[in-house]
Protein backbone atom coordinates (compact mmCIF):
# COMPACT_ATOMS: atom_id res chain seq x y z
CA UNK A 1 -43.57 1.50 -198.70
CA UNK A 2 -45.04 1.05 -195.23
CA UNK A 3 -48.63 0.66 -194.05
CA UNK A 4 -50.11 3.91 -192.79
CA UNK A 5 -52.03 2.03 -190.09
CA UNK A 6 -49.48 -0.31 -188.53
CA UNK A 7 -46.19 0.62 -190.23
CA UNK A 8 -45.57 -2.87 -191.63
CA UNK A 9 -43.90 -3.25 -195.08
CA UNK A 10 -46.44 -3.52 -197.89
CA UNK A 11 -46.41 -6.12 -200.66
CA UNK A 12 -48.07 -5.85 -204.06
CA UNK A 13 -51.41 -6.82 -202.58
CA UNK A 14 -54.13 -4.19 -202.14
CA UNK A 15 -54.28 -4.83 -198.42
CA UNK A 16 -51.84 -4.93 -195.53
CA UNK A 17 -50.80 -8.47 -194.66
CA UNK A 18 -50.15 -7.38 -191.07
CA UNK A 19 -53.38 -5.58 -190.12
CA UNK A 20 -55.58 -6.23 -193.15
CA UNK A 21 -56.42 -2.59 -193.90
CA UNK A 22 -57.17 -1.60 -197.54
CA UNK A 23 -54.13 0.27 -198.96
CA UNK A 24 -55.09 0.50 -202.62
CA UNK A 25 -55.93 4.23 -202.56
CA UNK A 26 -53.05 4.90 -200.18
CA UNK A 27 -50.59 3.38 -202.67
CA UNK A 28 -51.99 5.56 -205.47
CA UNK A 29 -51.56 8.69 -203.33
CA UNK A 30 -47.96 7.78 -202.49
CA UNK A 31 -47.18 7.07 -206.16
CA UNK A 32 -48.70 10.39 -207.21
CA UNK A 33 -46.65 12.17 -204.55
CA UNK A 34 -43.50 10.47 -205.79
CA UNK A 35 -44.38 11.39 -209.36
CA UNK A 36 -44.70 15.07 -208.47
CA UNK A 37 -41.40 14.83 -206.58
CA UNK A 38 -39.65 13.42 -209.64
CA UNK A 39 -41.20 16.16 -211.78
CA UNK A 40 -39.97 18.82 -209.31
CA UNK A 41 -36.50 17.26 -209.37
CA UNK A 42 -36.40 17.41 -213.17
CA UNK A 43 -37.54 21.05 -213.20
CA UNK A 44 -35.00 22.04 -210.58
CA UNK A 45 -32.21 20.38 -212.60
CA UNK A 46 -32.93 22.72 -215.57
CA UNK A 47 -33.31 25.77 -213.22
CA UNK A 48 -37.08 25.95 -213.67
CA UNK A 49 -37.30 26.78 -209.98
CA UNK A 50 -40.84 28.20 -210.02
CA UNK A 51 -42.13 25.03 -211.67
CA UNK A 52 -40.12 22.93 -209.22
CA UNK A 53 -41.77 24.72 -206.28
CA UNK A 54 -45.24 24.05 -207.71
CA UNK A 55 -44.53 20.33 -208.25
CA UNK A 56 -42.93 19.84 -204.83
CA UNK A 57 -45.81 21.60 -203.07
CA UNK A 58 -48.26 19.23 -204.79
CA UNK A 59 -46.11 16.29 -203.70
CA UNK A 60 -46.23 17.48 -200.07
CA UNK A 61 -49.98 18.09 -200.27
CA UNK A 62 -50.38 14.40 -201.03
CA UNK A 63 -47.74 13.18 -198.59
CA UNK A 64 -46.52 15.67 -195.99
CA UNK A 65 -44.06 13.03 -194.67
CA UNK A 66 -42.13 12.97 -197.97
CA UNK A 67 -38.79 14.01 -196.50
CA UNK A 68 -36.89 14.15 -199.80
CA UNK A 69 -39.52 16.42 -201.36
CA UNK A 70 -39.48 18.77 -198.38
CA UNK A 71 -35.68 18.94 -198.28
CA UNK A 72 -35.56 19.60 -202.03
CA UNK A 73 -38.19 22.34 -201.66
CA UNK A 74 -35.96 23.97 -199.03
CA UNK A 75 -32.97 23.81 -201.40
CA UNK A 76 -35.00 25.39 -204.21
CA UNK A 77 -36.14 28.20 -201.88
CA UNK A 78 -32.55 28.72 -200.78
CA UNK A 79 -31.40 28.92 -204.41
CA UNK A 80 -34.07 31.57 -205.07
CA UNK A 81 -32.77 33.63 -202.13
CA UNK A 82 -35.80 32.77 -199.92
CA UNK A 83 -33.66 31.73 -196.95
CA UNK A 84 -36.41 31.99 -194.32
CA UNK A 85 -38.76 29.75 -196.32
CA UNK A 86 -35.92 27.26 -196.82
CA UNK A 87 -35.14 27.15 -193.09
CA UNK A 88 -38.84 26.62 -192.32
CA UNK A 89 -39.03 23.57 -194.62
CA UNK A 90 -35.84 22.06 -193.16
CA UNK A 91 -37.04 22.55 -189.58
CA UNK A 92 -40.35 20.82 -190.38
CA UNK A 93 -38.44 18.01 -192.10
CA UNK A 94 -36.16 17.55 -189.08
CA UNK A 95 -39.18 17.36 -186.75
CA UNK A 96 -40.70 14.61 -188.88
CA UNK A 97 -37.43 12.66 -189.06
CA UNK A 98 -34.69 13.52 -186.58
CA UNK A 99 -32.11 10.90 -187.63
CA UNK A 100 -30.32 10.38 -190.97
CA UNK A 101 -31.94 13.51 -192.38
CA UNK A 102 -30.07 15.82 -194.77
CA UNK A 103 -32.03 18.76 -193.33
CA UNK A 104 -29.96 18.49 -190.13
CA UNK A 105 -26.81 19.02 -192.17
CA UNK A 106 -28.28 22.04 -193.99
CA UNK A 107 -29.40 23.68 -190.74
CA UNK A 108 -26.07 23.00 -189.03
CA UNK A 109 -24.10 24.57 -191.89
CA UNK A 110 -26.15 27.77 -191.70
CA UNK A 111 -26.39 27.99 -187.89
CA UNK A 112 -22.65 27.36 -187.42
CA UNK A 113 -21.84 30.38 -189.59
CA UNK A 114 -22.83 33.42 -187.51
CA UNK A 115 -21.69 35.79 -190.25
CA UNK A 116 -24.03 34.17 -192.73
CA UNK A 117 -26.96 34.41 -190.34
CA UNK A 118 -26.22 38.09 -189.81
CA UNK A 119 -26.10 38.59 -193.60
CA UNK A 120 -29.50 36.89 -193.93
CA UNK A 121 -30.97 39.17 -191.24
CA UNK A 122 -29.51 42.28 -192.87
CA UNK A 123 -30.90 41.19 -196.26
CA UNK A 124 -34.41 40.82 -194.87
CA UNK A 125 -34.27 44.18 -193.08
CA UNK A 126 -32.94 46.04 -196.11
CA UNK A 127 -35.48 44.42 -198.45
CA UNK A 128 -38.33 45.44 -196.12
CA UNK A 129 -36.87 48.96 -195.97
CA UNK A 130 -36.83 49.06 -199.79
CA UNK A 131 -40.51 48.09 -199.84
CA UNK A 132 -41.22 50.90 -197.36
CA UNK A 133 -39.43 53.39 -199.62
CA UNK A 134 -41.54 52.19 -202.55
CA UNK A 135 -44.73 52.82 -200.57
CA UNK A 136 -43.42 56.30 -199.75
CA UNK A 137 -42.72 56.87 -203.46
CA UNK A 138 -38.99 57.32 -202.74
CA UNK A 139 -37.84 55.34 -205.76
CA UNK A 140 -34.22 56.51 -205.69
CA UNK A 141 -33.78 55.38 -202.08
CA UNK A 142 -35.52 52.09 -202.86
CA UNK A 143 -33.13 51.43 -205.77
CA UNK A 144 -30.10 52.15 -203.58
CA UNK A 145 -31.43 49.86 -200.85
CA UNK A 146 -32.14 47.04 -203.33
CA UNK A 147 -28.62 47.27 -204.71
CA UNK A 148 -27.32 46.74 -201.17
CA UNK A 149 -29.69 43.77 -200.78
CA UNK A 150 -28.48 42.15 -203.99
CA UNK A 151 -24.84 42.71 -203.07
CA UNK A 152 -25.53 40.67 -199.90
CA UNK A 153 -27.80 38.08 -201.55
CA UNK A 154 -27.34 38.00 -205.37
CA UNK A 155 -29.78 35.06 -205.69
CA UNK A 156 -32.83 36.89 -204.34
CA UNK A 157 -35.19 36.69 -207.33
CA UNK A 158 -37.73 39.02 -205.73
CA UNK A 159 -35.01 41.63 -205.29
CA UNK A 160 -34.06 41.54 -208.99
CA UNK A 161 -37.72 41.73 -210.01
CA UNK A 162 -38.47 44.70 -207.75
CA UNK A 163 -35.34 46.51 -208.96
CA UNK A 164 -36.40 45.92 -212.58
CA UNK A 165 -39.89 47.24 -211.83
CA UNK A 166 -38.44 50.43 -210.32
CA UNK A 167 -36.20 50.89 -213.38
CA UNK A 168 -39.27 50.49 -215.59
CA UNK A 169 -41.10 53.14 -213.57
CA UNK A 170 -38.13 55.47 -214.13
CA UNK A 171 -38.04 54.70 -217.86
CA UNK A 172 -34.61 53.05 -217.61
CA UNK A 173 -35.54 49.98 -219.65
CA UNK A 174 -31.99 48.93 -220.51
CA UNK A 175 -31.12 48.61 -216.82
CA UNK A 176 -34.46 46.89 -216.15
CA UNK A 177 -33.63 44.32 -218.84
CA UNK A 178 -30.24 43.70 -217.25
CA UNK A 179 -31.86 43.11 -213.81
CA UNK A 180 -34.42 40.73 -215.35
CA UNK A 181 -31.63 38.85 -217.12
CA UNK A 182 -30.00 38.27 -213.72
CA UNK A 183 -33.33 36.98 -212.33
CA UNK A 184 -33.78 34.67 -215.33
CA UNK A 185 -30.34 33.11 -214.75
CA UNK A 186 -31.52 32.02 -211.31
CA UNK A 187 -35.10 30.98 -212.23
CA UNK A 188 -35.57 30.50 -215.97
CA UNK A 189 -39.34 29.99 -215.97
CA UNK A 190 -40.53 32.57 -213.44
CA UNK A 191 -43.80 33.99 -214.81
CA UNK A 192 -43.28 37.41 -213.25
CA UNK A 193 -39.83 37.71 -214.80
CA UNK A 194 -41.14 36.64 -218.21
CA UNK A 195 -43.99 39.14 -218.06
CA UNK A 196 -41.63 41.98 -217.14
CA UNK A 197 -39.23 40.99 -219.94
CA UNK A 198 -42.05 41.10 -222.46
CA UNK A 199 -43.09 44.59 -221.29
CA UNK A 200 -39.50 45.89 -221.37
CA UNK A 201 -38.92 44.60 -224.89
CA UNK A 202 -42.15 46.24 -226.06
CA UNK A 203 -41.09 49.58 -224.59
CA UNK A 204 -37.65 49.31 -226.16
CA UNK A 205 -39.18 48.65 -229.59
CA UNK A 206 -41.47 51.67 -229.25
CA UNK A 207 -38.56 53.91 -228.28
CA UNK A 208 -36.37 52.78 -231.27
CA UNK A 209 -38.57 52.50 -234.39
CA UNK A 210 -36.95 51.24 -237.54
CA UNK A 211 -36.13 53.81 -240.15
CA UNK A 212 -38.46 53.86 -243.10
CA UNK A 213 -37.09 53.39 -246.53
CA UNK A 214 -36.82 56.48 -248.61
CA UNK A 215 -39.35 56.26 -251.40
CA UNK A 216 -37.64 59.12 -253.20
CA UNK A 217 -34.78 56.80 -254.27
CA UNK A 218 -34.83 54.69 -257.43
CA UNK A 219 -32.42 51.96 -258.42
CA UNK A 220 -31.64 50.09 -261.65
CA UNK A 221 -29.22 47.39 -262.73
CA UNK A 222 -26.31 48.22 -265.04
CA UNK A 223 -24.51 45.03 -265.86
CA UNK A 224 -23.31 43.57 -262.59
CA UNK A 225 -23.76 46.87 -260.68
CA UNK A 226 -26.85 48.33 -258.97
CA UNK A 227 -27.22 52.09 -259.47
CA UNK A 228 -29.14 54.08 -256.79
CA UNK A 229 -30.12 57.67 -257.51
CA UNK A 230 -32.80 60.23 -256.50
CA UNK A 231 -36.12 59.93 -258.25
CA UNK A 232 -36.09 63.65 -259.02
CA UNK A 233 -32.92 65.46 -259.92
CA UNK A 234 -32.72 69.16 -260.53
CA UNK A 235 -29.66 70.95 -261.78
CA UNK A 236 -29.37 74.30 -259.96
CA UNK A 237 -27.26 77.18 -261.12
CA UNK A 238 -24.60 78.81 -258.91
CA UNK A 239 -26.86 81.78 -258.04
CA UNK A 240 -29.69 79.49 -257.00
CA UNK A 241 -27.28 77.49 -254.89
CA UNK A 242 -26.09 80.61 -253.01
CA UNK A 243 -29.67 81.75 -252.43
CA UNK A 244 -30.59 78.32 -251.09
CA UNK A 245 -27.60 78.36 -248.74
CA UNK A 246 -28.56 81.78 -247.40
CA UNK A 247 -32.18 80.72 -246.95
CA UNK A 248 -31.01 77.57 -245.16
CA UNK A 249 -28.77 79.56 -242.80
CA UNK A 250 -31.60 82.01 -242.02
CA UNK A 251 -34.05 79.16 -241.41
CA UNK A 252 -31.51 77.40 -239.21
CA UNK A 253 -30.98 80.52 -237.09
CA UNK A 254 -34.74 81.10 -236.85
CA UNK A 255 -35.42 77.51 -235.82
CA UNK A 256 -32.62 77.65 -233.26
CA UNK A 257 -33.82 80.99 -231.82
CA UNK A 258 -37.55 80.23 -231.69
CA UNK A 259 -37.73 76.47 -231.23
CA UNK A 260 -34.55 74.92 -229.93
CA UNK A 261 -33.40 77.55 -227.40
CA UNK A 262 -36.78 77.80 -225.57
CA UNK A 263 -37.01 74.01 -225.52
CA UNK A 264 -33.50 73.74 -224.15
CA UNK A 265 -34.27 76.33 -221.47
CA UNK A 266 -37.54 74.62 -220.58
CA UNK A 267 -35.82 71.25 -220.42
CA UNK A 268 -33.11 72.67 -218.16
CA UNK A 269 -35.81 74.20 -215.94
CA UNK A 270 -37.70 70.91 -215.82
CA UNK A 271 -34.51 69.03 -214.96
CA UNK A 272 -33.75 71.52 -212.18
CA UNK A 273 -37.31 71.18 -210.79
CA UNK A 274 -37.05 67.40 -210.92
CA UNK A 275 -33.69 67.46 -209.14
CA UNK A 276 -35.09 69.87 -206.54
CA UNK A 277 -38.11 67.65 -205.95
CA UNK A 278 -35.89 64.59 -205.60
CA UNK A 279 -33.67 66.47 -203.15
CA UNK A 280 -36.71 67.60 -201.13
CA UNK A 281 -38.02 64.03 -201.06
CA UNK A 282 -34.65 62.79 -199.91
CA UNK A 283 -34.43 65.46 -197.20
CA UNK A 284 -37.98 64.69 -196.06
CA UNK A 285 -37.18 60.99 -195.88
CA UNK A 286 -33.99 61.64 -193.96
CA UNK A 287 -35.84 63.92 -191.54
CA UNK A 288 -38.40 61.21 -190.95
CA UNK A 289 -35.63 58.71 -190.34
CA UNK A 290 -33.85 61.09 -187.96
CA UNK A 291 -37.10 61.75 -186.06
CA UNK A 292 -37.78 58.03 -185.80
CA UNK A 293 -34.22 57.38 -184.60
CA UNK A 294 -34.48 60.18 -182.02
CA UNK A 295 -37.69 58.64 -180.69
CA UNK A 296 -36.00 55.24 -180.54
CA UNK A 297 -33.05 56.75 -178.66
CA UNK A 298 -35.42 58.47 -176.22
CA UNK A 299 -37.29 55.22 -175.59
CA UNK A 300 -34.07 53.30 -175.09
CA UNK A 301 -32.75 55.98 -172.72
CA UNK A 302 -35.92 55.75 -170.63
CA UNK A 303 -35.65 51.97 -170.56
CA UNK A 304 -32.01 52.16 -169.46
CA UNK A 305 -32.85 54.67 -166.69
CA UNK A 306 -35.76 52.53 -165.57
CA UNK A 307 -33.53 49.46 -165.54
CA UNK A 308 -30.89 51.34 -163.50
CA UNK A 309 -33.50 52.50 -160.96
CA UNK A 310 -34.86 48.99 -160.73
CA UNK A 311 -31.34 47.60 -160.29
CA UNK A 312 -30.49 50.13 -157.56
CA UNK A 313 -33.77 49.41 -155.76
CA UNK A 314 -33.15 45.67 -155.98
CA UNK A 315 -29.58 46.05 -154.69
CA UNK A 316 -30.83 48.18 -151.78
CA UNK A 317 -33.46 45.59 -150.85
CA UNK A 318 -30.92 42.76 -151.07
CA UNK A 319 -28.50 44.69 -148.84
CA UNK A 320 -31.24 45.31 -146.26
CA UNK A 321 -32.24 41.62 -146.20
CA UNK A 322 -28.58 40.57 -145.92
CA UNK A 323 -28.05 42.91 -142.97
CA UNK A 324 -31.24 41.63 -141.33
CA UNK A 325 -30.03 38.02 -141.68
CA UNK A 326 -26.59 39.02 -140.34
CA UNK A 327 -28.24 40.72 -137.36
CA UNK A 328 -30.38 37.64 -136.65
CA UNK A 329 -27.37 35.32 -136.94
CA UNK A 330 -25.26 37.48 -134.61
CA UNK A 331 -28.17 37.68 -132.13
CA UNK A 332 -28.46 33.89 -132.16
CA UNK A 333 -24.71 33.70 -131.36
CA UNK A 334 -25.23 36.30 -128.56
CA UNK A 335 -22.92 38.77 -130.31
CA UNK A 336 -24.91 41.88 -129.48
CA UNK A 337 -22.35 44.31 -130.88
CA UNK A 338 -22.36 42.73 -134.33
CA UNK A 339 -26.13 42.28 -134.21
CA UNK A 340 -26.70 45.93 -133.24
CA UNK A 341 -24.32 47.21 -135.96
CA UNK A 342 -26.01 45.09 -138.59
CA UNK A 343 -29.56 46.05 -137.67
CA UNK A 344 -28.68 49.75 -137.79
CA UNK A 345 -27.84 49.33 -141.51
CA UNK A 346 -31.26 47.83 -142.35
CA UNK A 347 -33.61 50.14 -144.30
CA UNK A 348 -37.07 49.27 -142.99
CA UNK A 349 -38.73 50.64 -146.17
CA UNK A 350 -37.06 47.88 -148.23
CA UNK A 351 -38.65 45.08 -146.19
CA UNK A 352 -41.88 43.21 -146.81
CA UNK A 353 -44.67 43.18 -144.21
CA UNK A 354 -43.58 39.88 -142.64
CA UNK A 355 -39.92 40.96 -142.68
CA UNK A 356 -40.82 44.25 -140.97
CA UNK A 357 -42.46 42.35 -138.11
CA UNK A 358 -39.29 40.27 -137.72
CA UNK A 359 -37.14 43.43 -137.95
CA UNK A 360 -39.15 45.28 -135.26
CA UNK A 361 -39.09 42.33 -132.87
CA UNK A 362 -35.38 41.65 -133.41
CA UNK A 363 -34.49 45.33 -133.05
CA UNK A 364 -36.32 45.56 -129.72
CA UNK A 365 -34.55 42.46 -128.38
CA UNK A 366 -31.15 43.50 -129.69
CA UNK A 367 -31.47 47.05 -128.36
CA UNK A 368 -32.50 45.74 -124.97
CA UNK A 369 -29.41 43.55 -124.65
CA UNK A 370 -27.14 45.71 -126.74
CA UNK A 371 -27.64 48.83 -124.62
CA UNK A 372 -26.91 46.91 -121.41
CA UNK A 373 -23.77 45.37 -122.89
CA UNK A 374 -22.61 48.61 -124.45
CA UNK A 375 -23.12 50.59 -121.22
CA UNK A 376 -21.32 47.92 -119.24
CA UNK A 377 -18.35 47.91 -121.60
CA UNK A 378 -18.28 51.72 -121.75
CA UNK A 379 -18.35 52.17 -117.97
CA UNK A 380 -15.63 49.53 -117.46
CA UNK A 381 -13.47 51.21 -120.11
CA UNK A 382 -14.01 54.57 -118.40
CA UNK A 383 -13.06 53.08 -115.05
CA UNK A 384 -9.80 51.67 -116.36
CA UNK A 385 -8.91 54.88 -118.24
CA UNK A 386 -9.59 53.60 -121.78
CA UNK A 387 -11.48 56.75 -122.76
CA UNK A 388 -11.48 56.08 -126.53
CA UNK A 389 -13.35 52.79 -126.05
CA UNK A 390 -15.57 54.43 -123.42
CA UNK A 391 -16.57 57.18 -125.88
CA UNK A 392 -17.35 54.63 -128.61
CA UNK A 393 -19.53 52.39 -126.41
CA UNK A 394 -21.27 55.10 -124.37
CA UNK A 395 -22.06 57.18 -127.44
CA UNK A 396 -23.94 54.24 -128.97
CA UNK A 397 -25.94 53.96 -125.72
CA UNK A 398 -26.79 57.67 -125.69
CA UNK A 399 -27.86 57.62 -129.33
CA UNK A 400 -30.33 54.88 -128.48
CA UNK A 401 -31.53 56.28 -125.10
CA UNK A 402 -30.28 59.52 -123.55
CA UNK A 403 -32.10 58.78 -120.27
CA UNK A 404 -30.44 55.39 -119.77
CA UNK A 405 -29.38 54.76 -116.17
CA UNK A 406 -31.02 58.04 -115.16
CA UNK A 407 -28.58 60.05 -117.27
CA UNK A 408 -25.40 58.24 -116.23
CA UNK A 409 -24.67 57.29 -119.84
CA UNK A 410 -24.68 60.98 -120.85
CA UNK A 411 -22.59 62.00 -117.84
CA UNK A 412 -19.87 59.40 -118.31
CA UNK A 413 -19.79 60.08 -122.03
CA UNK A 414 -19.10 63.77 -121.28
CA UNK A 415 -16.43 62.79 -118.78
CA UNK A 416 -14.82 60.41 -121.27
CA UNK A 417 -14.71 63.11 -123.94
CA UNK A 418 -13.13 65.59 -121.46
CA UNK A 419 -10.52 63.15 -120.18
CA UNK A 420 -9.73 62.11 -123.76
CA UNK A 421 -8.89 65.79 -124.46
CA UNK A 422 -12.00 66.51 -126.56
CA UNK A 423 -13.59 69.34 -124.52
CA UNK A 424 -15.47 70.61 -127.61
CA UNK A 425 -17.73 67.51 -127.71
CA UNK A 426 -17.78 67.11 -123.93
CA UNK A 427 -19.55 70.46 -123.34
CA UNK A 428 -22.56 69.31 -125.42
CA UNK A 429 -23.24 66.41 -123.08
CA UNK A 430 -22.42 68.44 -119.94
CA UNK A 431 -25.08 70.91 -121.03
CA UNK A 432 -27.59 68.05 -121.45
CA UNK A 433 -26.90 66.99 -117.85
CA UNK A 434 -27.40 70.54 -116.55
CA UNK A 435 -30.66 70.97 -118.50
CA UNK A 436 -32.20 67.52 -117.91
CA UNK A 437 -31.02 66.74 -114.36
CA UNK A 438 -30.91 70.06 -112.44
CA UNK A 439 -30.07 70.04 -108.77
CA UNK A 440 -28.11 66.77 -108.87
CA UNK A 441 -24.48 66.28 -108.00
CA UNK A 442 -23.78 65.32 -111.61
CA UNK A 443 -25.41 68.55 -112.80
CA UNK A 444 -23.19 70.57 -110.47
CA UNK A 445 -20.11 68.73 -111.64
CA UNK A 446 -21.18 69.27 -115.25
CA UNK A 447 -21.71 72.97 -114.57
CA UNK A 448 -18.24 73.23 -113.08
CA UNK A 449 -16.80 71.64 -116.23
CA UNK A 450 -18.80 74.07 -118.36
CA UNK A 451 -17.40 76.98 -116.34
CA UNK A 452 -13.91 75.65 -116.95
CA UNK A 453 -14.65 75.37 -120.67
CA UNK A 454 -16.00 78.92 -120.72
CA UNK A 455 -12.81 80.13 -119.09
CA UNK A 456 -10.87 78.43 -121.87
CA UNK A 457 -13.10 80.07 -124.50
CA UNK A 458 -14.65 76.75 -125.57
CA UNK A 459 -18.07 77.30 -123.96
CA UNK A 460 -18.79 81.07 -123.76
CA UNK A 461 -22.43 80.98 -122.66
CA UNK A 462 -22.72 79.95 -119.03
CA UNK A 463 -26.11 78.71 -117.86
CA UNK A 464 -27.76 80.11 -114.66
CA UNK A 465 -26.90 78.52 -111.35
CA UNK A 466 -29.25 75.67 -110.38
CA UNK A 467 -30.91 75.23 -107.01
CA UNK A 468 -29.19 72.63 -104.89
CA UNK A 469 -31.13 69.67 -103.47
CA UNK A 470 -30.23 66.89 -101.17
CA UNK A 471 -30.22 64.33 -104.08
CA UNK A 472 -26.85 62.77 -104.67
CA UNK A 473 -25.54 60.34 -107.26
CA UNK A 474 -22.46 58.26 -107.53
């Protein structure tokens, strides 16, 4: 025994030799706690589990640090099928003493067996469902559910007791007695079990009264033999016997016709009504379950859709930020082509306020350099006859600014399309030159190309001739 104040070992003295505190009352409390623990241990050894729980709880009230008492209480709960209560006691015990504690072993054995944990969870759910059926007065469903519970956890005393109570409500006392016998094997001194057993035995006695002795019989001793005979004996003649037989047959037919048959019909009708009511209750319960499941499915579907939308939105935002970073990195490396391509793939709506400022500034800078570079590359490609490259680079310039270089980008793009053999796309840009830059040399050249396309059937609608001016372009 250790001092509660300083933790030093205590001697037989009524004070601590280390710190001098009075430990007389403390020693009495510890001894009382140990006494209750020993009492609980004795009760548990003879399967008086309810009594063991009471003694161990008193022991822990006096000394909550009594590790052995707490571990034993957990074992008793576990034996009664109260797995959650047992786990709670072992967890508390392990928190008080983390090393060399049997509770660690108990918890490890249960936690390492995932199947057992799943069985415990299913037992709890099914037992709660059985209680719900009882509240809904669906006794048949509750009995079925409890049988499933007890098949998973045969030691659940509460399950046996509730099953017995339902059997008693149904008037099935023999089955109730069998369920209570199973509960008594687990916990011999459970007061609820004993009270139910007493009630069942009383009902069974009332339903099977002992037969009364027939007072119309007399007996007498003749030597070593006992003679039993009716008190009144009447010798009937043959005629009287026949008359009595006929009367008996008539009475039997009358009783059958007027008493038994109506009762049988009424009983059959009552049984049919009872069966119909039970079926209606079952159908109603099933409909409620189906409705509840449908609602659960609807809720889960909405959650899944919401999660998908959230995921798609998050992925879109991440892609936009990645493209923005790629554009910034390429701009820093003076790779305007890569920077321009990346910034075109950024969705401005996905960006935050600060990111939008960065995006706008970077886009303006990139476009300014990108359009110069792209036009330069496109014009050089056009000059050396690489019309495919010229179309690719000049088209990107036109998409950004159709008026770039006073329309030269549009003009050379049209020329590149025509010389690449794609007159269908070339006429669109020739028409832009004619409409936007009338009177220029480029407009006249574009008009001539449009006339050629019209002659080929590619461009049927020729625009009116434009007024010539002295302006010339290269």
